[in-house]
Amino acid sequence: MNPESDFAVVHGSPGARVRAFGLAATYWPFLFALFLAGWFLHAALPARVPSEWAAVALLLLVLFAWAALGRAARRYRSYLKGARGEEIVARELSLLPADWTVFHGVPRGGFEAAFGGGDFDHVVLGPGALYVVETKNWAGPVRVEGASVSAAGLPASRSPVAQVRREANALRRRLRRQLPPDMPVRGVVCFASNGLERDRADVDGTPLCNVRDLRALLLAGKDPSVGPERRRLLVEALLSTPDAAE
């Protein structure tokens, strides 16, 4: 409960890890390749190189760098688009009632945490349920037909439903000591662009929704309340950094 406000308690900064990790993931291979190229050239070429060869080599290196930087910039813009989507969803989650707690950018355990990447976009602790909200900032229209999801007429390269189910299972394993046995961990796919043709859809029990319908979806749950001590343990566990070896 948040006695000082009518709205949810919020922890974390939406999109922060996406921006930082996206920058590193986008540009470090390019910088590393340039370093190796310089090292190999220095080791392989004789001390005296004809100026014509040097000019050609320099031109090729500039063209390569230009192409690589352009590709990296496009990839980083994709990361920024995802971060902006997380910020849109975060604003909506911040308007949940005071007995809700919202966490943004919760790091995962294991391999991904060890290398600084991978997080749960949003984890939402309600009075009786725990939600993992996976944000997608896709251009519409987004259509759900059976178990398939498509955007702008193209099938998703990776199923967001399967993704959020894996995340819910991962969070359940991480919090197994703090979770009450009857408390569900639910995955929700939320479209920050409101591109879903209908405000809400369902794929085998996993809900998908537009951001304008997110709060209504979360508040519709009728699960039994969790006691204050159990809530405190869950909050502490979600605020702690997971063990990289978990």
C-alpha atoms as a PDB file:
ATOM      1  CA  MET A   1       0.000   0.000   0.000  1.00  0.00           C
ATOM      2  CA  ASN A   2       1.176   3.503  -0.765  1.00  0.00           C
ATOM      3  CA  PRO A   3      -0.164   5.799   2.006  1.00  0.00           C
ATOM      4  CA  GLU A   4       1.296   8.946   0.453  1.00  0.00           C
ATOM      5  CA  SER A   5      -0.388   8.639  -2.927  1.00  0.00           C
ATOM      6  CA  ASP A   6      -3.507   7.395  -4.657  1.00  0.00           C
ATOM      7  CA  PHE A   7      -1.332   5.644  -7.228  1.00  0.00           C
ATOM      8  CA  ALA A   8       1.020   2.684  -7.429  1.00  0.00           C
ATOM      9  CA  VAL A   9       4.498   2.566  -5.928  1.00  0.00           C
ATOM     10  CA  VAL A  10       6.998   2.585  -8.810  1.00  0.00           C
ATOM     11  CA  HIS A  11      10.572   1.284  -8.839  1.00  0.00           C
ATOM     12  CA  GLY A  12      13.101   1.531 -11.639  1.00  0.00           C
ATOM     13  CA  SER A  13      13.417   3.522 -14.837  1.00  0.00           C
ATOM     14  CA  PRO A  14      11.618   2.258 -17.947  1.00  0.00           C
ATOM     15  CA  GLY A  15      13.823   1.715 -20.980  1.00  0.00           C
ATOM     16  CA  ALA A  16      17.085   2.574 -19.188  1.00  0.00           C
ATOM     17  CA  ARG A  17      18.646  -0.873 -19.558  1.00  0.00           C
ATOM     18  CA  VAL A  18      17.419  -1.118 -23.141  1.00  0.00           C
ATOM     19  CA  ARG A  19      19.228   2.106 -24.078  1.00  0.00           C
ATOM     20  CA  ALA A  20      22.461   1.223 -22.292  1.00  0.00           C
ATOM     21  CA  PHE A  21      22.634  -2.387 -23.415  1.00  0.00           C
ATOM     22  CA  GLY A  22      21.456  -1.492 -26.916  1.00  0.00           C
ATOM     23  CA  LEU A  23      24.299   0.992 -27.320  1.00  0.00           C
ATOM     24  CA  ALA A  24      26.884  -1.525 -26.164  1.00  0.00           C
ATOM     25  CA  ALA A  25      25.427  -4.408 -28.178  1.00  0.00           C
ATOM     26  CA  THR A  26      25.211  -2.272 -31.315  1.00  0.00           C
ATOM     27  CA  TYR A  27      28.626  -0.650 -31.409  1.00  0.00           C
ATOM     28  CA  TRP A  28      31.118  -2.881 -29.576  1.00  0.00           C
ATOM     29  CA  PRO A  29      31.450  -5.443 -32.424  1.00  0.00           C
ATOM     30  CA  PHE A  30      32.206  -2.610 -34.849  1.00  0.00           C
ATOM     31  CA  LEU A  31      34.884  -1.073 -32.614  1.00  0.00           C
ATOM     32  CA  PHE A  32      36.399  -4.473 -31.883  1.00  0.00           C
ATOM     33  CA  ALA A  33      36.554  -5.283 -35.610  1.00  0.00           C
ATOM     34  CA  LEU A  34      38.333  -1.982 -36.327  1.00  0.00           C
ATOM     35  CA  PHE A  35      40.881  -2.713 -33.616  1.00  0.00           C
ATOM     36  CA  LEU A  36      41.570  -6.189 -35.010  1.00  0.00           C
ATOM     37  CA  ALA A  37      41.790  -4.849 -38.564  1.00  0.00           C
ATOM     38  CA  GLY A  38      44.415  -2.287 -37.514  1.00  0.00           C
ATOM     39  CA  TRP A  39      46.381  -4.872 -35.566  1.00  0.00           C
ATOM     40  CA  PHE A  40      46.427  -7.397 -38.416  1.00  0.00           C
ATOM     41  CA  LEU A  41      47.337  -4.741 -40.980  1.00  0.00           C
ATOM     42  CA  HIS A  42      50.212  -3.575 -38.818  1.00  0.00           C
ATOM     43  CA  ALA A  43      51.433  -7.148 -38.336  1.00  0.00           C
ATOM     44  CA  ALA A  44      50.957  -8.334 -41.920  1.00  0.00           C
ATOM     45  CA  LEU A  45      52.045  -5.409 -44.090  1.00  0.00           C
ATOM     46  CA  PRO A  46      55.686  -4.423 -44.641  1.00  0.00           C
ATOM     47  CA  ALA A  47      56.969  -1.269 -43.076  1.00  0.00           C
ATOM     48  CA  ARG A  48      56.988   0.598 -46.395  1.00  0.00           C
ATOM     49  CA  VAL A  49      53.730   0.508 -48.390  1.00  0.00           C
ATOM     50  CA  PRO A  50      53.273   2.316 -51.740  1.00  0.00           C
ATOM     51  CA  SER A  51      51.144   5.413 -51.334  1.00  0.00           C
ATOM     52  CA  GLU A  52      48.654   4.156 -53.949  1.00  0.00           C
ATOM     53  CA  TRP A  53      48.026   0.968 -51.961  1.00  0.00           C
ATOM     54  CA  ALA A  54      47.689   2.921 -48.761  1.00  0.00           C
ATOM     55  CA  ALA A  55      45.143   5.246 -50.384  1.00  0.00           C
ATOM     56  CA  VAL A  56      43.071   2.303 -51.651  1.00  0.00           C
ATOM     57  CA  ALA A  57      43.220   0.583 -48.266  1.00  0.00           C
ATOM     58  CA  LEU A  58      42.154   3.785 -46.541  1.00  0.00           C
ATOM     59  CA  LEU A  59      39.249   4.245 -48.961  1.00  0.00           C
ATOM     60  CA  LEU A  60      38.048   0.671 -48.423  1.00  0.00           C
ATOM     61  CA  LEU A  61      38.295   1.090 -44.672  1.00  0.00           C
ATOM     62  CA  VAL A  62      36.262   4.321 -44.801  1.00  0.00           C
ATOM     63  CA  LEU A  63      33.570   2.667 -46.955  1.00  0.00           C
ATOM     64  CA  PHE A  64      33.406  -0.295 -44.602  1.00  0.00           C
ATOM     65  CA  ALA A  65      33.182   1.975 -41.573  1.00  0.00           C
ATOM     66  CA  TRP A  66      30.448   4.078 -43.212  1.00  0.00           C
ATOM     67  CA  ALA A  67      28.326   0.998 -44.017  1.00  0.00           C
ATOM     68  CA  ALA A  68      28.890  -0.564 -40.607  1.00  0.00           C
ATOM     69  CA  LEU A  69      28.000   2.648 -38.766  1.00  0.00           C
ATOM     70  CA  GLY A  70      24.834   3.058 -40.838  1.00  0.00           C
ATOM     71  CA  ARG A  71      23.718  -0.471 -39.984  1.00  0.00           C
ATOM     72  CA  ALA A  72      24.566   0.060 -36.313  1.00  0.00           C
ATOM     73  CA  ALA A  73      22.602   3.322 -36.241  1.00  0.00           C
ATOM     74  CA  ARG A  74      19.517   1.603 -37.664  1.00  0.00           C
ATOM     75  CA  ARG A  75      19.821  -1.153 -35.101  1.00  0.00           C
ATOM     76  CA  TYR A  76      20.200   1.329 -32.259  1.00  0.00           C
ATOM     77  CA  ARG A  77      17.115   3.239 -33.443  1.00  0.00           C
ATOM     78  CA  SER A  78      15.243  -0.026 -33.034  1.00  0.00           C
ATOM     79  CA  TYR A  79      16.435  -0.239 -29.417  1.00  0.00           C
ATOM     80  CA  LEU A  80      15.337   3.362 -28.823  1.00  0.00           C
ATOM     81  CA  LYS A  81      11.906   2.608 -30.255  1.00  0.00           C
ATOM     82  CA  GLY A  82      11.574  -0.239 -27.776  1.00  0.00           C
ATOM     83  CA  ALA A  83      12.662   2.033 -24.924  1.00  0.00           C
ATOM     84  CA  ARG A  84      10.061   4.648 -25.894  1.00  0.00           C
ATOM     85  CA  GLY A  85       7.422   1.913 -25.879  1.00  0.00           C
ATOM     86  CA  GLU A  86       8.427   0.949 -22.341  1.00  0.00           C
ATOM     87  CA  GLU A  87       8.061   4.576 -21.247  1.00  0.00           C
ATOM     88  CA  ILE A  88       4.528   4.747 -22.700  1.00  0.00           C
ATOM     89  CA  VAL A  89       3.506   1.575 -20.881  1.00  0.00           C
ATOM     90  CA  ALA A  90       5.193   2.792 -17.679  1.00  0.00           C
ATOM     91  CA  ARG A  91       3.051   5.938 -17.629  1.00  0.00           C
ATOM     92  CA  GLU A  92      -0.078   3.809 -17.813  1.00  0.00           C
ATOM     93  CA  LEU A  93       1.094   1.461 -15.066  1.00  0.00           C
ATOM     94  CA  SER A  94       1.914   4.376 -12.770  1.00  0.00           C
ATOM     95  CA  LEU A  95      -1.830   5.148 -12.620  1.00  0.00           C
ATOM     96  CA  LEU A  96      -2.704   1.829 -10.988  1.00  0.00           C
ATOM     97  CA  PRO A  97      -4.172   2.080  -7.464  1.00  0.00           C
ATOM     98  CA  ALA A  98      -2.032   2.514  -4.362  1.00  0.00           C
ATOM     99  CA  ASP A  99      -2.124  -1.188  -3.420  1.00  0.00           C
ATOM    100  CA  TRP A 100      -0.149  -2.054  -6.548  1.00  0.00           C
ATOM    101  CA  THR A 101       3.643  -1.998  -6.982  1.00  0.00           C
ATOM    102  CA  VAL A 102       5.355  -1.572 -10.359  1.00  0.00           C
ATOM    103  CA  PHE A 103       8.940  -2.484 -11.232  1.00  0.00           C
ATOM    104  CA  HIS A 104      10.629  -1.417 -14.473  1.00  0.00           C
ATOM    105  CA  GLY A 105      13.659  -3.086 -16.067  1.00  0.00           C
ATOM    106  CA  VAL A 106      13.950  -5.941 -13.575  1.00  0.00           C
ATOM    107  CA  PRO A 107      17.191  -7.828 -14.397  1.00  0.00           C
ATOM    108  CA  ARG A 108      17.021 -11.545 -15.006  1.00  0.00           C
ATOM    109  CA  GLY A 109      19.310 -14.124 -13.480  1.00  0.00           C
ATOM    110  CA  GLY A 110      21.740 -16.521 -15.112  1.00  0.00           C
ATOM    111  CA  PHE A 111      23.706 -15.913 -18.309  1.00  0.00           C
ATOM    112  CA  GLU A 112      21.830 -12.762 -19.365  1.00  0.00           C
ATOM    113  CA  ALA A 113      22.332 -10.979 -16.043  1.00  0.00           C
ATOM    114  CA  ALA A 114      26.030 -11.915 -16.000  1.00  0.00           C
ATOM    115  CA  PHE A 115      26.558  -9.991 -19.236  1.00  0.00           C
ATOM    116  CA  GLY A 116      24.417  -6.961 -18.359  1.00  0.00           C
ATOM    117  CA  GLY A 117      21.580  -7.668 -20.760  1.00  0.00           C
ATOM    118  CA  GLY A 118      18.124  -9.087 -20.542  1.00  0.00           C
ATOM    119  CA  ASP A 119      15.429  -7.814 -18.264  1.00  0.00           C
ATOM    120  CA  PHE A 120      11.720  -8.030 -17.642  1.00  0.00           C
ATOM    121  CA  ASP A 121      10.225  -4.882 -19.168  1.00  0.00           C
ATOM    122  CA  HIS A 122       7.696  -4.459 -16.341  1.00  0.00           C
ATOM    123  CA  VAL A 123       6.814  -6.582 -13.328  1.00  0.00           C
ATOM    124  CA  VAL A 124       3.540  -5.626 -11.656  1.00  0.00           C
ATOM    125  CA  LEU A 125       2.608  -6.840  -8.176  1.00  0.00           C
ATOM    126  CA  GLY A 126      -1.128  -6.624  -7.586  1.00  0.00           C
ATOM    127  CA  PRO A 127      -3.121  -7.467  -4.464  1.00  0.00           C
ATOM    128  CA  GLY A 128      -3.190 -11.159  -5.389  1.00  0.00           C
ATOM    129  CA  ALA A 129      -1.233 -11.741  -8.601  1.00  0.00           C
ATOM    130  CA  LEU A 130       2.120 -11.045 -10.182  1.00  0.00           C
ATOM    131  CA  TYR A 131       2.309  -9.941 -13.818  1.00  0.00           C
ATOM    132  CA  VAL A 132       5.133  -9.805 -16.328  1.00  0.00           C
ATOM    133  CA  VAL A 133       4.292  -7.190 -18.969  1.00  0.00           C
ATOM    134  CA  GLU A 134       6.228  -7.506 -22.216  1.00  0.00           C
ATOM    135  CA  THR A 135       6.093  -4.282 -24.241  1.00  0.00           C
ATOM    136  CA  LYS A 136       5.997  -4.239 -28.031  1.00  0.00           C
ATOM    137  CA  ASN A 137       6.154  -0.925 -29.876  1.00  0.00           C
ATOM    138  CA  TRP A 138       5.160  -2.332 -33.258  1.00  0.00           C
ATOM    139  CA  ALA A 139       3.708  -0.458 -36.190  1.00  0.00           C
ATOM    140  CA  GLY A 140       0.132  -1.555 -36.792  1.00  0.00           C
ATOM    141  CA  PRO A 141      -2.114  -3.045 -37.602  1.00  0.00           C
ATOM    142  CA  VAL A 142      -1.333  -5.967 -35.286  1.00  0.00           C
ATOM    143  CA  ARG A 143      -3.501  -9.002 -35.920  1.00  0.00           C
ATOM    144  CA  VAL A 144      -4.006 -12.152 -33.889  1.00  0.00           C
ATOM    145  CA  GLU A 145      -5.225 -15.144 -35.835  1.00  0.00           C
ATOM    146  CA  GLY A 146      -5.280 -18.340 -33.819  1.00  0.00           C
ATOM    147  CA  ALA A 147      -1.846 -18.621 -32.225  1.00  0.00           C
ATOM    148  CA  SER A 148      -0.060 -16.393 -34.770  1.00  0.00           C
ATOM    149  CA  VAL A 149       0.638 -12.682 -34.390  1.00  0.00           C
ATOM    150  CA  SER A 150       1.419 -10.413 -37.330  1.00  0.00           C
ATOM    151  CA  ALA A 151       2.248  -6.707 -37.669  1.00  0.00           C
ATOM    152  CA  ALA A 152       1.709  -4.625 -40.796  1.00  0.00           C
ATOM    153  CA  GLY A 153       0.886  -7.814 -42.674  1.00  0.00           C
ATOM    154  CA  LEU A 154       4.126  -9.610 -41.721  1.00  0.00           C
ATOM    155  CA  PRO A 155       4.279 -12.537 -39.270  1.00  0.00           C
ATOM    156  CA  ALA A 156       6.277 -11.907 -36.108  1.00  0.00           C
ATOM    157  CA  SER A 157       9.813 -13.277 -36.406  1.00  0.00           C
ATOM    158  CA  ARG A 158       9.598 -14.302 -32.748  1.00  0.00           C
ATOM    159  CA  SER A 159       6.316 -15.045 -31.009  1.00  0.00           C
ATOM    160  CA  PRO A 160       5.657 -12.451 -28.269  1.00  0.00           C
ATOM    161  CA  VAL A 161       3.305 -14.930 -26.610  1.00  0.00           C
ATOM    162  CA  ALA A 162       5.994 -17.612 -26.305  1.00  0.00           C
ATOM    163  CA  GLN A 163       8.418 -14.925 -25.125  1.00  0.00           C
ATOM    164  CA  VAL A 164       6.227 -13.658 -22.300  1.00  0.00           C
ATOM    165  CA  ARG A 165       5.403 -17.202 -21.214  1.00  0.00           C
ATOM    166  CA  ARG A 166       9.109 -17.937 -20.858  1.00  0.00           C
ATOM    167  CA  GLU A 167       9.507 -14.727 -18.877  1.00  0.00           C
ATOM    168  CA  ALA A 168       6.636 -15.624 -16.527  1.00  0.00           C
ATOM    169  CA  ASN A 169       8.178 -19.047 -15.912  1.00  0.00           C
ATOM    170  CA  ALA A 170      11.608 -17.491 -15.336  1.00  0.00           C
ATOM    171  CA  LEU A 171      10.189 -15.022 -12.816  1.00  0.00           C
ATOM    172  CA  ARG A 172       8.294 -17.797 -11.052  1.00  0.00           C
ATOM    173  CA  ARG A 173      11.525 -19.773 -10.669  1.00  0.00           C
ATOM    174  CA  ARG A 174      13.396 -16.728  -9.392  1.00  0.00           C
ATOM    175  CA  LEU A 175      10.744 -15.962  -6.749  1.00  0.00           C
ATOM    176  CA  ARG A 176       9.867 -19.524  -5.820  1.00  0.00           C
ATOM    177  CA  ARG A 177      10.855 -18.970  -2.174  1.00  0.00           C
ATOM    178  CA  GLN A 178       8.770 -15.798  -1.766  1.00  0.00           C
ATOM    179  CA  LEU A 179       5.681 -16.692  -3.826  1.00  0.00           C
ATOM    180  CA  PRO A 180       2.627 -18.051  -2.048  1.00  0.00           C
ATOM    181  CA  PRO A 181       1.748 -21.444  -3.552  1.00  0.00           C
ATOM    182  CA  ASP A 182      -1.610 -20.195  -4.859  1.00  0.00           C
ATOM    183  CA  MET A 183      -0.322 -16.899  -6.313  1.00  0.00           C
ATOM    184  CA  PRO A 184      -0.234 -16.885 -10.129  1.00  0.00           C
ATOM    185  CA  VAL A 185       2.500 -15.324 -12.266  1.00  0.00           C
ATOM    186  CA  ARG A 186       0.872 -14.132 -15.467  1.00  0.00           C
ATOM    187  CA  GLY A 187       2.331 -12.887 -18.712  1.00  0.00           C
ATOM    188  CA  VAL A 188       0.782  -9.993 -20.650  1.00  0.00           C
ATOM    189  CA  VAL A 189       1.831  -8.670 -24.052  1.00  0.00           C
ATOM    190  CA  CYS A 190       1.128  -4.938 -24.334  1.00  0.00           C
ATOM    191  CA  PHE A 191       1.301  -2.887 -27.548  1.00  0.00           C
ATOM    192  CA  ALA A 192       2.491   0.622 -26.763  1.00  0.00           C
ATOM    193  CA  SER A 193       1.417   1.862 -30.188  1.00  0.00           C
ATOM    194  CA  ASN A 194      -2.226   0.796 -29.638  1.00  0.00           C
ATOM    195  CA  GLY A 195      -1.786  -1.078 -32.912  1.00  0.00           C
ATOM    196  CA  LEU A 196      -3.758  -4.185 -31.927  1.00  0.00           C
ATOM    197  CA  GLU A 197      -6.884  -4.270 -34.111  1.00  0.00           C
ATOM    198  CA  ARG A 198      -9.029  -5.020 -31.085  1.00  0.00           C
ATOM    199  CA  ASP A 199      -8.065  -3.618 -27.709  1.00  0.00           C
ATOM    200  CA  ARG A 200      -7.700  -7.123 -26.302  1.00  0.00           C
ATOM    201  CA  ALA A 201      -6.972 -10.608 -27.624  1.00  0.00           C
ATOM    202  CA  ASP A 202      -6.081 -13.982 -26.132  1.00  0.00           C
ATOM    203  CA  VAL A 203      -3.771 -16.777 -27.252  1.00  0.00           C
ATOM    204  CA  ASP A 204      -4.266 -19.952 -25.225  1.00  0.00           C
ATOM    205  CA  GLY A 205      -4.799 -18.033 -21.989  1.00  0.00           C
ATOM    206  CA  THR A 206      -2.128 -15.377 -22.551  1.00  0.00           C
ATOM    207  CA  PRO A 207      -3.689 -11.924 -22.955  1.00  0.00           C
ATOM    208  CA  LEU A 208      -2.539  -9.334 -25.497  1.00  0.00           C
ATOM    209  CA  CYS A 209      -3.775  -5.758 -25.236  1.00  0.00           C
ATOM    210  CA  ASN A 210      -3.314  -2.177 -26.328  1.00  0.00           C
ATOM    211  CA  VAL A 211      -1.785   0.120 -23.738  1.00  0.00           C
ATOM    212  CA  ARG A 212      -5.068   2.005 -23.336  1.00  0.00           C
ATOM    213  CA  ASP A 213      -6.671  -1.236 -22.089  1.00  0.00           C
ATOM    214  CA  LEU A 214      -3.785  -2.421 -19.902  1.00  0.00           C
ATOM    215  CA  ARG A 215      -4.992  -1.132 -16.547  1.00  0.00           C
ATOM    216  CA  ALA A 216      -8.493  -2.489 -17.073  1.00  0.00           C
ATOM    217  CA  LEU A 217      -7.044  -5.905 -17.908  1.00  0.00           C
ATOM    218  CA  LEU A 218      -4.840  -5.990 -14.799  1.00  0.00           C
ATOM    219  CA  LEU A 219      -7.575  -4.729 -12.487  1.00  0.00           C
ATOM    220  CA  ALA A 220     -10.026  -7.374 -13.688  1.00  0.00           C
ATOM    221  CA  GLY A 221      -8.247 -10.109 -11.706  1.00  0.00           C
ATOM    222  CA  LYS A 222     -10.124 -11.494  -8.690  1.00  0.00           C
ATOM    223  CA  ASP A 223      -7.334 -13.337  -6.919  1.00  0.00           C
ATOM    224  CA  PRO A 224      -7.208 -13.563  -3.107  1.00  0.00           C
ATOM    225  CA  SER A 225      -5.131 -10.902  -1.404  1.00  0.00           C
ATOM    226  CA  VAL A 226      -1.543 -11.488  -0.336  1.00  0.00           C
ATOM    227  CA  GLY A 227      -0.624 -10.562   3.203  1.00  0.00           C
ATOM    228  CA  PRO A 228       1.681  -7.594   3.960  1.00  0.00           C
ATOM    229  CA  GLU A 229       4.626  -9.751   5.059  1.00  0.00           C
ATOM    230  CA  ARG A 230       4.542 -11.807   1.886  1.00  0.00           C
ATOM    231  CA  ARG A 231       4.284  -8.625  -0.186  1.00  0.00           C
ATOM    232  CA  ARG A 232       7.320  -7.211   1.610  1.00  0.00           C
ATOM    233  CA  LEU A 233       9.350 -10.327   0.779  1.00  0.00           C
ATOM    234  CA  LEU A 234       8.317 -10.156  -2.872  1.00  0.00           C
ATOM    235  CA  VAL A 235       9.222  -6.472  -3.139  1.00  0.00           C
ATOM    236  CA  GLU A 236      12.633  -7.059  -1.556  1.00  0.00           C
ATOM    237  CA  ALA A 237      13.313  -9.978  -3.902  1.00  0.00           C
ATOM    238  CA  LEU A 238      12.348  -7.957  -6.969  1.00  0.00           C
ATOM    239  CA  LEU A 239      14.544  -5.045  -5.919  1.00  0.00           C
ATOM    240  CA  SER A 240      17.586  -7.271  -5.358  1.00  0.00           C
ATOM    241  CA  THR A 241      20.025  -8.191  -8.120  1.00  0.00           C
ATOM    242  CA  PRO A 242      19.614 -11.857  -9.039  1.00  0.00           C
ATOM    243  CA  ASP A 243      22.531 -14.235  -8.618  1.00  0.00           C
ATOM    244  CA  ALA A 244      24.273 -14.624 -11.979  1.00  0.00           C
ATOM    245  CA  ALA A 245      24.611 -18.332 -11.336  1.00  0.00           C
ATOM    246  CA  GLU A 246      20.906 -18.813 -10.573  1.00  0.00           C
END
